[in-house]
Amino acid sequence: MKTEVKVPLFAEGATKIKINQWLFEVGDKVKAGENLVEATTDKISIHIEAPTSGVLVKKLVEEDDTVLIDQVIAIIADEKED
C-alpha cells in the first residue's frame, strides 16, 4: 500500500512553505512520526513527519521548492512492495 505525504496545515492563514532539506533519501526505511523534511515560511520552521512506516519510494519536490498546503510531496510504500 502506498501513502501520500502531504504538507500539513501548520498555521492558520498559511498557504505555502519552502522545502529546506530532505532528511531521508529514496529507498530509506522510515517510521511513522519521524521527521522527513525541514521546511520554513517567512516566520517559522517546521518538520514534516512521516504519516506511516515504510520505505520512501518517491520525492515529488526538491530542496528549495515552494509548495502549497495539502500538496503531496512524497510517497511512502509498505516494505513488502516493489
N, C-alpha and C. Protein backbone atom coordinates (compact mmCIF):
# COMPACT_ATOMS: atom_id res chain seq x y z
N MET A 1 0.83 -1.17 0.00
CA MET A 1 0.00 0.00 0.00
C MET A 1 0.89 1.25 0.00
N LYS A 2 0.51 2.24 -0.77
CA LYS A 2 1.27 3.48 -0.85
C LYS A 2 0.54 4.59 -0.10
N THR A 3 1.31 5.42 0.58
CA THR A 3 0.76 6.53 1.36
C THR A 3 1.37 7.83 0.86
N GLU A 4 0.52 8.83 0.63
CA GLU A 4 0.99 10.15 0.23
C GLU A 4 1.41 10.94 1.46
N VAL A 5 2.53 11.64 1.32
CA VAL A 5 2.98 12.57 2.36
C VAL A 5 2.56 13.96 1.89
N LYS A 6 1.71 14.62 2.68
CA LYS A 6 1.21 15.95 2.31
C LYS A 6 1.73 17.01 3.27
N VAL A 7 1.80 18.24 2.78
CA VAL A 7 2.18 19.37 3.62
C VAL A 7 1.00 19.66 4.55
N PRO A 8 1.23 19.59 5.85
CA PRO A 8 0.12 19.84 6.80
C PRO A 8 -0.19 21.32 6.93
N LEU A 9 -1.39 21.61 7.38
CA LEU A 9 -1.74 22.98 7.75
C LEU A 9 -1.09 23.23 9.10
N PHE A 10 -0.06 24.05 9.12
CA PHE A 10 0.74 24.25 10.32
C PHE A 10 0.44 25.55 11.03
N ALA A 11 -0.25 26.47 10.37
CA ALA A 11 -0.62 27.74 11.00
C ALA A 11 -1.81 28.32 10.25
N GLU A 12 -2.74 28.89 10.98
CA GLU A 12 -3.92 29.49 10.35
C GLU A 12 -3.49 30.59 9.39
N GLY A 13 -4.03 30.54 8.19
CA GLY A 13 -3.71 31.53 7.17
C GLY A 13 -2.51 31.18 6.32
N ALA A 14 -1.75 30.16 6.70
CA ALA A 14 -0.59 29.75 5.90
C ALA A 14 -1.06 29.12 4.59
N THR A 15 -0.36 29.40 3.51
CA THR A 15 -0.73 28.83 2.22
C THR A 15 0.41 28.08 1.55
N LYS A 16 1.65 28.39 1.93
CA LYS A 16 2.79 27.74 1.28
C LYS A 16 3.97 27.67 2.24
N ILE A 17 4.94 26.85 1.84
CA ILE A 17 6.13 26.63 2.65
C ILE A 17 7.28 26.26 1.73
N LYS A 18 8.50 26.56 2.14
CA LYS A 18 9.69 26.24 1.35
C LYS A 18 10.36 24.99 1.92
N ILE A 19 10.65 24.04 1.06
CA ILE A 19 11.37 22.82 1.46
C ILE A 19 12.85 23.17 1.59
N ASN A 20 13.39 23.01 2.79
CA ASN A 20 14.81 23.32 3.01
C ASN A 20 15.70 22.10 2.83
N GLN A 21 15.32 20.99 3.49
CA GLN A 21 16.19 19.81 3.46
C GLN A 21 15.39 18.53 3.65
N TRP A 22 15.67 17.57 2.78
CA TRP A 22 15.15 16.22 2.97
C TRP A 22 16.06 15.51 3.96
N LEU A 23 15.49 14.81 4.93
CA LEU A 23 16.26 14.11 5.95
C LEU A 23 16.43 12.63 5.63
N PHE A 24 15.74 12.15 4.59
CA PHE A 24 15.84 10.77 4.13
C PHE A 24 15.99 10.77 2.62
N GLU A 25 16.59 9.70 2.10
CA GLU A 25 16.73 9.52 0.66
C GLU A 25 15.75 8.46 0.17
N VAL A 26 15.45 8.47 -1.11
CA VAL A 26 14.61 7.43 -1.71
C VAL A 26 15.26 6.08 -1.42
N GLY A 27 14.46 5.13 -0.97
CA GLY A 27 14.94 3.80 -0.62
C GLY A 27 15.16 3.61 0.87
N ASP A 28 15.19 4.72 1.62
CA ASP A 28 15.39 4.63 3.07
C ASP A 28 14.11 4.17 3.76
N LYS A 29 14.28 3.37 4.83
CA LYS A 29 13.15 3.00 5.67
C LYS A 29 12.85 4.15 6.63
N VAL A 30 11.56 4.42 6.81
CA VAL A 30 11.13 5.47 7.74
C VAL A 30 10.09 4.90 8.69
N LYS A 31 9.99 5.51 9.85
CA LYS A 31 8.98 5.12 10.83
C LYS A 31 7.97 6.24 10.98
N ALA A 32 6.73 5.87 11.23
CA ALA A 32 5.68 6.86 11.45
C ALA A 32 6.13 7.85 12.53
N GLY A 33 5.97 9.13 12.25
CA GLY A 33 6.33 10.16 13.20
C GLY A 33 7.74 10.70 13.06
N GLU A 34 8.58 10.02 12.27
CA GLU A 34 9.93 10.54 12.06
C GLU A 34 9.87 11.77 11.15
N ASN A 35 10.77 12.71 11.39
CA ASN A 35 10.85 13.90 10.55
C ASN A 35 11.44 13.54 9.19
N LEU A 36 10.70 13.84 8.13
CA LEU A 36 11.16 13.59 6.77
C LEU A 36 11.81 14.81 6.14
N VAL A 37 11.27 15.99 6.47
CA VAL A 37 11.64 17.21 5.78
C VAL A 37 11.73 18.37 6.77
N GLU A 38 12.72 19.22 6.57
CA GLU A 38 12.77 20.51 7.26
C GLU A 38 12.25 21.55 6.28
N ALA A 39 11.37 22.43 6.75
CA ALA A 39 10.77 23.44 5.87
C ALA A 39 10.58 24.75 6.65
N THR A 40 10.44 25.85 5.91
CA THR A 40 10.26 27.15 6.55
C THR A 40 9.26 28.02 5.79
N THR A 41 8.70 28.95 6.54
CA THR A 41 7.95 30.06 5.94
C THR A 41 8.80 31.30 6.23
N ASP A 42 8.25 32.46 5.97
CA ASP A 42 9.00 33.67 6.31
C ASP A 42 9.06 33.89 7.81
N LYS A 43 8.28 33.13 8.59
CA LYS A 43 8.22 33.35 10.04
C LYS A 43 8.65 32.17 10.90
N ILE A 44 8.42 30.94 10.45
CA ILE A 44 8.69 29.78 11.30
C ILE A 44 9.35 28.64 10.52
N SER A 45 9.96 27.73 11.27
CA SER A 45 10.50 26.49 10.73
C SER A 45 9.64 25.34 11.24
N ILE A 46 9.41 24.35 10.39
CA ILE A 46 8.67 23.17 10.81
C ILE A 46 9.33 21.91 10.26
N HIS A 47 8.93 20.78 10.80
CA HIS A 47 9.31 19.48 10.26
C HIS A 47 8.03 18.81 9.77
N ILE A 48 8.13 18.15 8.64
CA ILE A 48 7.01 17.36 8.13
C ILE A 48 7.33 15.91 8.45
N GLU A 49 6.42 15.24 9.15
CA GLU A 49 6.65 13.88 9.63
C GLU A 49 6.09 12.83 8.68
N ALA A 50 6.66 11.65 8.76
CA ALA A 50 6.14 10.50 8.02
C ALA A 50 4.80 10.10 8.63
N PRO A 51 3.75 10.01 7.82
CA PRO A 51 2.44 9.63 8.36
C PRO A 51 2.32 8.14 8.66
N THR A 52 3.25 7.35 8.13
CA THR A 52 3.22 5.90 8.29
C THR A 52 4.64 5.35 8.19
N SER A 53 4.83 4.13 8.62
CA SER A 53 6.13 3.46 8.47
C SER A 53 6.19 2.78 7.11
N GLY A 54 7.39 2.68 6.56
CA GLY A 54 7.59 2.03 5.27
C GLY A 54 8.88 2.48 4.64
N VAL A 55 8.89 2.52 3.30
CA VAL A 55 10.07 2.92 2.54
C VAL A 55 9.71 4.16 1.73
N LEU A 56 10.59 5.17 1.78
CA LEU A 56 10.40 6.36 0.97
C LEU A 56 10.70 5.98 -0.48
N VAL A 57 9.66 5.93 -1.31
CA VAL A 57 9.85 5.46 -2.69
C VAL A 57 9.90 6.57 -3.72
N LYS A 58 9.42 7.76 -3.35
CA LYS A 58 9.44 8.85 -4.33
C LYS A 58 9.38 10.20 -3.63
N LYS A 59 10.24 11.12 -4.09
CA LYS A 59 10.17 12.52 -3.68
C LYS A 59 9.56 13.28 -4.85
N LEU A 60 8.52 14.04 -4.62
CA LEU A 60 7.84 14.75 -5.68
C LEU A 60 8.27 16.21 -5.78
N VAL A 61 9.04 16.68 -4.81
CA VAL A 61 9.56 18.05 -4.82
C VAL A 61 11.03 18.01 -4.41
N GLU A 62 11.74 19.06 -4.77
CA GLU A 62 13.17 19.16 -4.46
C GLU A 62 13.41 20.19 -3.36
N GLU A 63 14.61 20.15 -2.79
CA GLU A 63 15.00 21.17 -1.83
C GLU A 63 14.95 22.53 -2.52
N ASP A 64 14.55 23.55 -1.80
CA ASP A 64 14.37 24.93 -2.27
C ASP A 64 13.08 25.16 -3.04
N ASP A 65 12.27 24.10 -3.27
CA ASP A 65 10.96 24.28 -3.89
C ASP A 65 10.00 24.90 -2.88
N THR A 66 9.09 25.72 -3.38
CA THR A 66 8.00 26.24 -2.57
C THR A 66 6.75 25.43 -2.90
N VAL A 67 6.09 24.93 -1.86
CA VAL A 67 4.93 24.05 -2.06
C VAL A 67 3.73 24.58 -1.29
N LEU A 68 2.56 24.16 -1.70
CA LEU A 68 1.31 24.60 -1.09
C LEU A 68 0.87 23.67 0.02
N ILE A 69 0.08 24.20 0.94
CA ILE A 69 -0.51 23.38 2.00
C ILE A 69 -1.35 22.28 1.34
N ASP A 70 -1.27 21.08 1.85
CA ASP A 70 -2.00 19.90 1.38
C ASP A 70 -1.44 19.33 0.07
N GLN A 71 -0.33 19.87 -0.42
CA GLN A 71 0.30 19.32 -1.62
C GLN A 71 1.03 18.03 -1.27
N VAL A 72 0.96 17.04 -2.15
CA VAL A 72 1.68 15.79 -1.96
C VAL A 72 3.15 16.03 -2.31
N ILE A 73 4.04 15.69 -1.36
CA ILE A 73 5.47 15.93 -1.59
C ILE A 73 6.29 14.64 -1.69
N ALA A 74 5.70 13.52 -1.27
CA ALA A 74 6.44 12.25 -1.30
C ALA A 74 5.46 11.08 -1.21
N ILE A 75 6.00 9.89 -1.51
CA ILE A 75 5.23 8.65 -1.41
C ILE A 75 6.01 7.67 -0.55
N ILE A 76 5.32 7.07 0.41
CA ILE A 76 5.89 6.00 1.25
C ILE A 76 5.12 4.72 0.94
N ALA A 77 5.84 3.63 0.73
CA ALA A 77 5.20 2.34 0.45
C ALA A 77 5.53 1.35 1.55
N ASP A 78 4.68 0.35 1.70
CA ASP A 78 4.97 -0.74 2.62
C ASP A 78 6.30 -1.38 2.23
N GLU A 79 7.03 -1.88 3.20
CA GLU A 79 8.32 -2.51 2.91
C GLU A 79 8.19 -3.70 2.00
N LYS A 80 7.04 -4.36 1.97
CA LYS A 80 6.83 -5.56 1.14
C LYS A 80 6.69 -5.23 -0.34
N GLU A 81 6.33 -4.00 -0.67
CA GLU A 81 6.09 -3.63 -2.07
C GLU A 81 7.39 -3.48 -2.83
N ASP A 82 7.31 -3.69 -4.14
CA ASP A 82 8.47 -3.49 -5.02
C ASP A 82 8.52 -2.05 -5.47
